[in-house]
């Protein structure tokens, strides 16, 4: 596993590897951070080799770890 910050580990732990996924808002609410902060950490995780997938339902995207 690449070197991850504590917050990156927390965000990663909240993202399922199965469908359905979760919204960034739901992850942020659970961790007490904003959805944009979740997005920031997802971007950093992607730079470290993690791959995410999402399903869109109207304006809402549900994220999960791609397998």
PDB file of N, CA and C in Angstrom:
ATOM      1  N   UNK A   1       0.852  -1.176   0.000  1.00  0.00           N
ATOM      2  CA  UNK A   1       0.000   0.000   0.000  1.00  0.00           C
ATOM      3  C   UNK A   1       0.897   1.238   0.000  1.00  0.00           C
ATOM      4  N   UNK A   2       0.604   2.174  -0.870  1.00  0.00           N
ATOM      5  CA  UNK A   2       1.403   3.397  -0.901  1.00  0.00           C
ATOM      6  C   UNK A   2       1.311   4.139   0.428  1.00  0.00           C
ATOM      7  N   UNK A   3       2.220   5.043   0.639  1.00  0.00           N
ATOM      8  CA  UNK A   3       2.226   5.868   1.839  1.00  0.00           C
ATOM      9  C   UNK A   3       1.010   6.794   1.822  1.00  0.00           C
ATOM     10  N   UNK A   4       0.100   6.604   2.762  1.00  0.00           N
ATOM     11  CA  UNK A   4      -1.133   7.388   2.815  1.00  0.00           C
ATOM     12  C   UNK A   4      -1.188   8.193   4.107  1.00  0.00           C
ATOM     13  N   UNK A   5      -1.782   9.380   4.014  1.00  0.00           N
ATOM     14  CA  UNK A   5      -2.019  10.171   5.226  1.00  0.00           C
ATOM     15  C   UNK A   5      -3.175   9.543   5.998  1.00  0.00           C
ATOM     16  N   UNK A   6      -3.321   9.933   7.248  1.00  0.00           N
ATOM     17  CA  UNK A   6      -4.433   9.412   8.059  1.00  0.00           C
ATOM     18  C   UNK A   6      -5.768   9.743   7.405  1.00  0.00           C
ATOM     19  N   UNK A   7      -5.921  10.969   6.889  1.00  0.00           N
ATOM     20  CA  UNK A   7      -7.188  11.378   6.266  1.00  0.00           C
ATOM     21  C   UNK A   7      -7.436  10.588   4.989  1.00  0.00           C
ATOM     22  N   UNK A   8      -6.399  10.334   4.206  1.00  0.00           N
ATOM     23  CA  UNK A   8      -6.568   9.534   2.989  1.00  0.00           C
ATOM     24  C   UNK A   8      -7.044   8.135   3.354  1.00  0.00           C
ATOM     25  N   UNK A   9      -6.517   7.569   4.420  1.00  0.00           N
ATOM     26  CA  UNK A   9      -6.967   6.242   4.881  1.00  0.00           C
ATOM     27  C   UNK A   9      -8.439   6.281   5.296  1.00  0.00           C
ATOM     28  N   UNK A  10      -8.831   7.357   5.985  1.00  0.00           N
ATOM     29  CA  UNK A  10     -10.226   7.501   6.419  1.00  0.00           C
ATOM     30  C   UNK A  10     -11.163   7.597   5.225  1.00  0.00           C
ATOM     31  N   UNK A  11     -10.806   8.423   4.236  1.00  0.00           N
ATOM     32  CA  UNK A  11     -11.638   8.561   3.037  1.00  0.00           C
ATOM     33  C   UNK A  11     -11.715   7.227   2.311  1.00  0.00           C
ATOM     34  N   UNK A  12     -10.591   6.569   2.149  1.00  0.00           N
ATOM     35  CA  UNK A  12     -10.556   5.285   1.455  1.00  0.00           C
ATOM     36  C   UNK A  12     -11.424   4.242   2.163  1.00  0.00           C
ATOM     37  N   UNK A  13     -11.404   4.264   3.489  1.00  0.00           N
ATOM     38  CA  UNK A  13     -12.198   3.306   4.268  1.00  0.00           C
ATOM     39  C   UNK A  13     -13.697   3.503   4.074  1.00  0.00           C
ATOM     40  N   UNK A  14     -14.122   4.717   3.727  1.00  0.00           N
ATOM     41  CA  UNK A  14     -15.545   5.009   3.544  1.00  0.00           C
ATOM     42  C   UNK A  14     -16.042   4.696   2.136  1.00  0.00           C
ATOM     43  N   UNK A  15     -15.143   4.460   1.201  1.00  0.00           N
ATOM     44  CA  UNK A  15     -15.549   4.184  -0.178  1.00  0.00           C
ATOM     45  C   UNK A  15     -15.638   2.678  -0.394  1.00  0.00           C
ATOM     46  N   UNK A  16     -16.812   2.190  -0.761  1.00  0.00           N
ATOM     47  CA  UNK A  16     -16.972   0.749  -0.960  1.00  0.00           C
ATOM     48  C   UNK A  16     -16.310   0.297  -2.254  1.00  0.00           C
ATOM     49  N   UNK A  17     -16.083  -1.014  -2.345  1.00  0.00           N
ATOM     50  CA  UNK A  17     -15.565  -1.569  -3.600  1.00  0.00           C
ATOM     51  C   UNK A  17     -16.651  -2.331  -4.341  1.00  0.00           C
ATOM     52  N   UNK A  18     -17.885  -2.106  -3.926  1.00  0.00           N
ATOM     53  CA  UNK A  18     -19.032  -2.721  -4.590  1.00  0.00           C
ATOM     54  C   UNK A  18     -20.065  -1.643  -4.896  1.00  0.00           C
ATOM     55  N   UNK A  19     -21.004  -1.980  -5.738  1.00  0.00           N
ATOM     56  CA  UNK A  19     -22.104  -1.089  -6.044  1.00  0.00           C
ATOM     57  C   UNK A  19     -23.201  -1.353  -5.027  1.00  0.00           C
ATOM     58  N   UNK A  20     -23.922  -0.398  -4.501  1.00  0.00           N
ATOM     59  CA  UNK A  20     -23.853   1.003  -4.861  1.00  0.00           C
ATOM     60  C   UNK A  20     -22.698   1.692  -4.157  1.00  0.00           C
ATOM     61  N   UNK A  21     -22.283   2.799  -4.723  1.00  0.00           N
ATOM     62  CA  UNK A  21     -21.237   3.608  -4.113  1.00  0.00           C
ATOM     63  C   UNK A  21     -21.836   4.579  -3.117  1.00  0.00           C
ATOM     64  N   UNK A  22     -21.028   5.526  -2.702  1.00  0.00           N
ATOM     65  CA  UNK A  22     -21.492   6.567  -1.787  1.00  0.00           C
ATOM     66  C   UNK A  22     -21.148   7.924  -2.383  1.00  0.00           C
ATOM     67  N   UNK A  23     -21.907   8.934  -1.989  1.00  0.00           N
ATOM     68  CA  UNK A  23     -21.628  10.279  -2.481  1.00  0.00           C
ATOM     69  C   UNK A  23     -20.485  10.894  -1.669  1.00  0.00           C
ATOM     70  N   UNK A  24     -19.836  11.859  -2.288  1.00  0.00           N
ATOM     71  CA  UNK A  24     -18.785  12.588  -1.565  1.00  0.00           C
ATOM     72  C   UNK A  24     -19.392  13.324  -0.374  1.00  0.00           C
ATOM     73  N   UNK A  25     -20.630  13.784  -0.539  1.00  0.00           N
ATOM     74  CA  UNK A  25     -21.312  14.479   0.559  1.00  0.00           C
ATOM     75  C   UNK A  25     -21.506  13.542   1.752  1.00  0.00           C
ATOM     76  N   UNK A  26     -21.878  12.288   1.489  1.00  0.00           N
ATOM     77  CA  UNK A  26     -22.078  11.323   2.570  1.00  0.00           C
ATOM     78  C   UNK A  26     -20.765  11.017   3.282  1.00  0.00           C
ATOM     79  N   UNK A  27     -19.698  10.849   2.506  1.00  0.00           N
ATOM     80  CA  UNK A  27     -18.382  10.598   3.104  1.00  0.00           C
ATOM     81  C   UNK A  27     -17.964  11.804   3.936  1.00  0.00           C
ATOM     82  N   UNK A  28     -18.130  12.994   3.369  1.00  0.00           N
ATOM     83  CA  UNK A  28     -17.763  14.206   4.083  1.00  0.00           C
ATOM     84  C   UNK A  28     -18.541  14.383   5.375  1.00  0.00           C
ATOM     85  N   UNK A  29     -19.832  14.107   5.324  1.00  0.00           N
ATOM     86  CA  UNK A  29     -20.669  14.238   6.520  1.00  0.00           C
ATOM     87  C   UNK A  29     -20.189  13.282   7.611  1.00  0.00           C
ATOM     88  N   UNK A  30     -19.874  12.065   7.229  1.00  0.00           N
ATOM     89  CA  UNK A  30     -19.433  11.073   8.213  1.00  0.00           C
ATOM     90  C   UNK A  30     -18.087  11.455   8.830  1.00  0.00           C
ATOM     91  N   UNK A  31     -17.207  12.046   8.016  1.00  0.00           N
ATOM     92  CA  UNK A  31     -15.871  12.399   8.503  1.00  0.00           C
ATOM     93  C   UNK A  31     -15.774  13.829   9.028  1.00  0.00           C
ATOM     94  N   UNK A  32     -16.855  14.615   8.867  1.00  0.00           N
ATOM     95  CA  UNK A  32     -16.851  15.987   9.342  1.00  0.00           C
ATOM     96  C   UNK A  32     -16.039  16.923   8.455  1.00  0.00           C
ATOM     97  N   UNK A  33     -16.013  16.622   7.139  1.00  0.00           N
ATOM     98  CA  UNK A  33     -15.306  17.467   6.174  1.00  0.00           C
ATOM     99  C   UNK A  33     -16.231  17.769   5.003  1.00  0.00           C
ATOM    100  N   UNK A  34     -15.849  18.730   4.179  1.00  0.00           N
ATOM    101  CA  UNK A  34     -16.667  19.113   3.031  1.00  0.00           C
ATOM    102  C   UNK A  34     -16.476  18.130   1.872  1.00  0.00           C
ATOM    103  N   UNK A  35     -17.503  18.006   1.003  1.00  0.00           N
ATOM    104  CA  UNK A  35     -17.371  17.132  -0.177  1.00  0.00           C
ATOM    105  C   UNK A  35     -16.170  17.504  -1.055  1.00  0.00           C
ATOM    106  N   UNK A  36     -15.857  18.787  -1.128  1.00  0.00           N
ATOM    107  CA  UNK A  36     -14.697  19.192  -1.933  1.00  0.00           C
ATOM    108  C   UNK A  36     -13.392  18.692  -1.315  1.00  0.00           C
ATOM    109  N   UNK A  37     -13.364  18.552   0.004  1.00  0.00           N
ATOM    110  CA  UNK A  37     -12.187  17.997   0.670  1.00  0.00           C
ATOM    111  C   UNK A  37     -12.084  16.501   0.385  1.00  0.00           C
ATOM    112  N   UNK A  38     -13.216  15.826   0.333  1.00  0.00           N
ATOM    113  CA  UNK A  38     -13.224  14.409  -0.057  1.00  0.00           C
ATOM    114  C   UNK A  38     -12.674  14.280  -1.475  1.00  0.00           C
ATOM    115  N   UNK A  39     -13.129  15.158  -2.371  1.00  0.00           N
ATOM    116  CA  UNK A  39     -12.641  15.142  -3.751  1.00  0.00           C
ATOM    117  C   UNK A  39     -11.125  15.355  -3.797  1.00  0.00           C
ATOM    118  N   UNK A  40     -10.616  16.275  -3.007  1.00  0.00           N
ATOM    119  CA  UNK A  40      -9.176  16.541  -2.935  1.00  0.00           C
ATOM    120  C   UNK A  40      -8.424  15.261  -2.551  1.00  0.00           C
ATOM    121  N   UNK A  41      -8.916  14.573  -1.523  1.00  0.00           N
ATOM    122  CA  UNK A  41      -8.240  13.357  -1.074  1.00  0.00           C
ATOM    123  C   UNK A  41      -8.367  12.230  -2.104  1.00  0.00           C
ATOM    124  N   UNK A  42      -9.501  12.155  -2.794  1.00  0.00           N
ATOM    125  CA  UNK A  42      -9.629  11.176  -3.880  1.00  0.00           C
ATOM    126  C   UNK A  42      -8.599  11.457  -4.964  1.00  0.00           C
ATOM    127  N   UNK A  43      -8.412  12.705  -5.315  1.00  0.00           N
ATOM    128  CA  UNK A  43      -7.408  13.070  -6.322  1.00  0.00           C
ATOM    129  C   UNK A  43      -6.014  12.633  -5.878  1.00  0.00           C
ATOM    130  N   UNK A  44      -5.685  12.857  -4.616  1.00  0.00           N
ATOM    131  CA  UNK A  44      -4.377  12.455  -4.094  1.00  0.00           C
ATOM    132  C   UNK A  44      -4.235  10.932  -4.099  1.00  0.00           C
ATOM    133  N   UNK A  45      -5.331  10.225  -3.778  1.00  0.00           N
ATOM    134  CA  UNK A  45      -5.307   8.760  -3.811  1.00  0.00           C
ATOM    135  C   UNK A  45      -5.124   8.250  -5.234  1.00  0.00           C
ATOM    136  N   UNK A  46      -5.776   8.900  -6.201  1.00  0.00           N
ATOM    137  CA  UNK A  46      -5.604   8.512  -7.600  1.00  0.00           C
ATOM    138  C   UNK A  46      -4.152   8.696  -8.042  1.00  0.00           C
ATOM    139  N   UNK A  47      -3.520   9.751  -7.580  1.00  0.00           N
ATOM    140  CA  UNK A  47      -2.115   9.988  -7.912  1.00  0.00           C
ATOM    141  C   UNK A  47      -1.211   8.902  -7.332  1.00  0.00           C
ATOM    142  N   UNK A  48      -1.711   8.213  -6.303  1.00  0.00           N
ATOM    143  CA  UNK A  48      -0.953   7.133  -5.672  1.00  0.00           C
ATOM    144  C   UNK A  48      -1.358   5.767  -6.213  1.00  0.00           C
ATOM    145  N   UNK A  49      -2.187   5.748  -7.270  1.00  0.00           N
ATOM    146  CA  UNK A  49      -2.501   4.494  -7.942  1.00  0.00           C
ATOM    147  C   UNK A  49      -3.876   3.913  -7.698  1.00  0.00           C
ATOM    148  N   UNK A  50      -4.679   4.537  -6.850  1.00  0.00           N
ATOM    149  CA  UNK A  50      -6.033   4.043  -6.625  1.00  0.00           C
ATOM    150  C   UNK A  50      -6.929   4.487  -7.777  1.00  0.00           C
ATOM    151  N   UNK A  51      -7.897   3.653  -8.122  1.00  0.00           N
ATOM    152  CA  UNK A  51      -8.813   3.957  -9.224  1.00  0.00           C
ATOM    153  C   UNK A  51     -10.232   3.958  -8.666  1.00  0.00           C
ATOM    154  N   UNK A  52     -10.975   4.999  -9.023  1.00  0.00           N
ATOM    155  CA  UNK A  52     -12.358   5.128  -8.567  1.00  0.00           C
ATOM    156  C   UNK A  52     -13.305   5.126  -9.750  1.00  0.00           C
ATOM    157  N   UNK A  53     -14.496   4.675  -9.503  1.00  0.00           N
ATOM    158  CA  UNK A  53     -15.544   4.629 -10.516  1.00  0.00           C
ATOM    159  C   UNK A  53     -16.783   5.255  -9.895  1.00  0.00           C
ATOM    160  N   UNK A  54     -17.684   5.713 -10.737  1.00  0.00           N
ATOM    161  CA  UNK A  54     -18.913   6.286 -10.201  1.00  0.00           C
ATOM    162  C   UNK A  54     -20.084   5.988 -11.116  1.00  0.00           C
ATOM    163  N   UNK A  55     -21.258   6.048 -10.511  1.00  0.00           N
ATOM    164  CA  UNK A  55     -22.520   5.941 -11.235  1.00  0.00           C
ATOM    165  C   UNK A  55     -23.255   7.248 -11.028  1.00  0.00           C
ATOM    166  N   UNK A  56     -23.813   7.772 -12.092  1.00  0.00           N
ATOM    167  CA  UNK A  56     -24.527   9.045 -12.009  1.00  0.00           C
ATOM    168  C   UNK A  56     -26.031   8.798 -12.094  1.00  0.00           C
ATOM    169  N   UNK A  57     -26.746   9.409 -11.157  1.00  0.00           N
ATOM    170  CA  UNK A  57     -28.205   9.382 -11.143  1.00  0.00           C
ATOM    171  C   UNK A  57     -28.659  10.838 -11.128  1.00  0.00           C
ATOM    172  N   UNK A  58     -28.922  11.371 -12.310  1.00  0.00           N
ATOM    173  CA  UNK A  58     -29.245  12.793 -12.387  1.00  0.00           C
ATOM    174  C   UNK A  58     -28.009  13.610 -12.079  1.00  0.00           C
ATOM    175  N   UNK A  59     -28.091  14.445 -11.057  1.00  0.00           N
ATOM    176  CA  UNK A  59     -26.960  15.290 -10.675  1.00  0.00           C
ATOM    177  C   UNK A  59     -26.103  14.685  -9.577  1.00  0.00           C
ATOM    178  N   UNK A  60     -26.425  13.484  -9.131  1.00  0.00           N
ATOM    179  CA  UNK A  60     -25.714  12.870  -8.021  1.00  0.00           C
ATOM    180  C   UNK A  60     -24.826  11.733  -8.511  1.00  0.00           C
ATOM    181  N   UNK A  61     -23.568  11.768  -8.101  1.00  0.00           N
ATOM    182  CA  UNK A  61     -22.627  10.695  -8.441  1.00  0.00           C
ATOM    183  C   UNK A  61     -22.319   9.896  -7.190  1.00  0.00           C
ATOM    184  N   UNK A  62     -22.396   8.581  -7.299  1.00  0.00           N
ATOM    185  CA  UNK A  62     -22.042   7.686  -6.201  1.00  0.00           C
ATOM    186  C   UNK A  62     -20.705   7.035  -6.536  1.00  0.00           C
ATOM    187  N   UNK A  63     -19.732   7.196  -5.655  1.00  0.00           N
ATOM    188  CA  UNK A  63     -18.371   6.748  -5.904  1.00  0.00           C
ATOM    189  C   UNK A  63     -18.075   5.419  -5.230  1.00  0.00           C
ATOM    190  N   UNK A  64     -17.171   4.666  -5.858  1.00  0.00           N
ATOM    191  CA  UNK A  64     -16.691   3.421  -5.260  1.00  0.00           C
ATOM    192  C   UNK A  64     -15.272   3.179  -5.771  1.00  0.00           C
ATOM    193  N   UNK A  65     -14.571   2.270  -5.117  1.00  0.00           N
ATOM    194  CA  UNK A  65     -13.249   1.878  -5.568  1.00  0.00           C
ATOM    195  C   UNK A  65     -13.427   0.921  -6.730  1.00  0.00           C
ATOM    196  N   UNK A  66     -12.771   1.180  -7.833  1.00  0.00           N
ATOM    197  CA  UNK A  66     -12.860   0.295  -9.006  1.00  0.00           C
ATOM    198  C   UNK A  66     -12.073  -0.963  -8.729  1.00  0.00           C
ATOM    199  N   UNK A  67     -12.670  -2.087  -9.112  1.00  0.00           N
ATOM    200  CA  UNK A  67     -11.983  -3.368  -8.915  1.00  0.00           C
ATOM    201  C   UNK A  67     -11.620  -3.993 -10.215  1.00  0.00           C
TER     202      UNK A  67
END
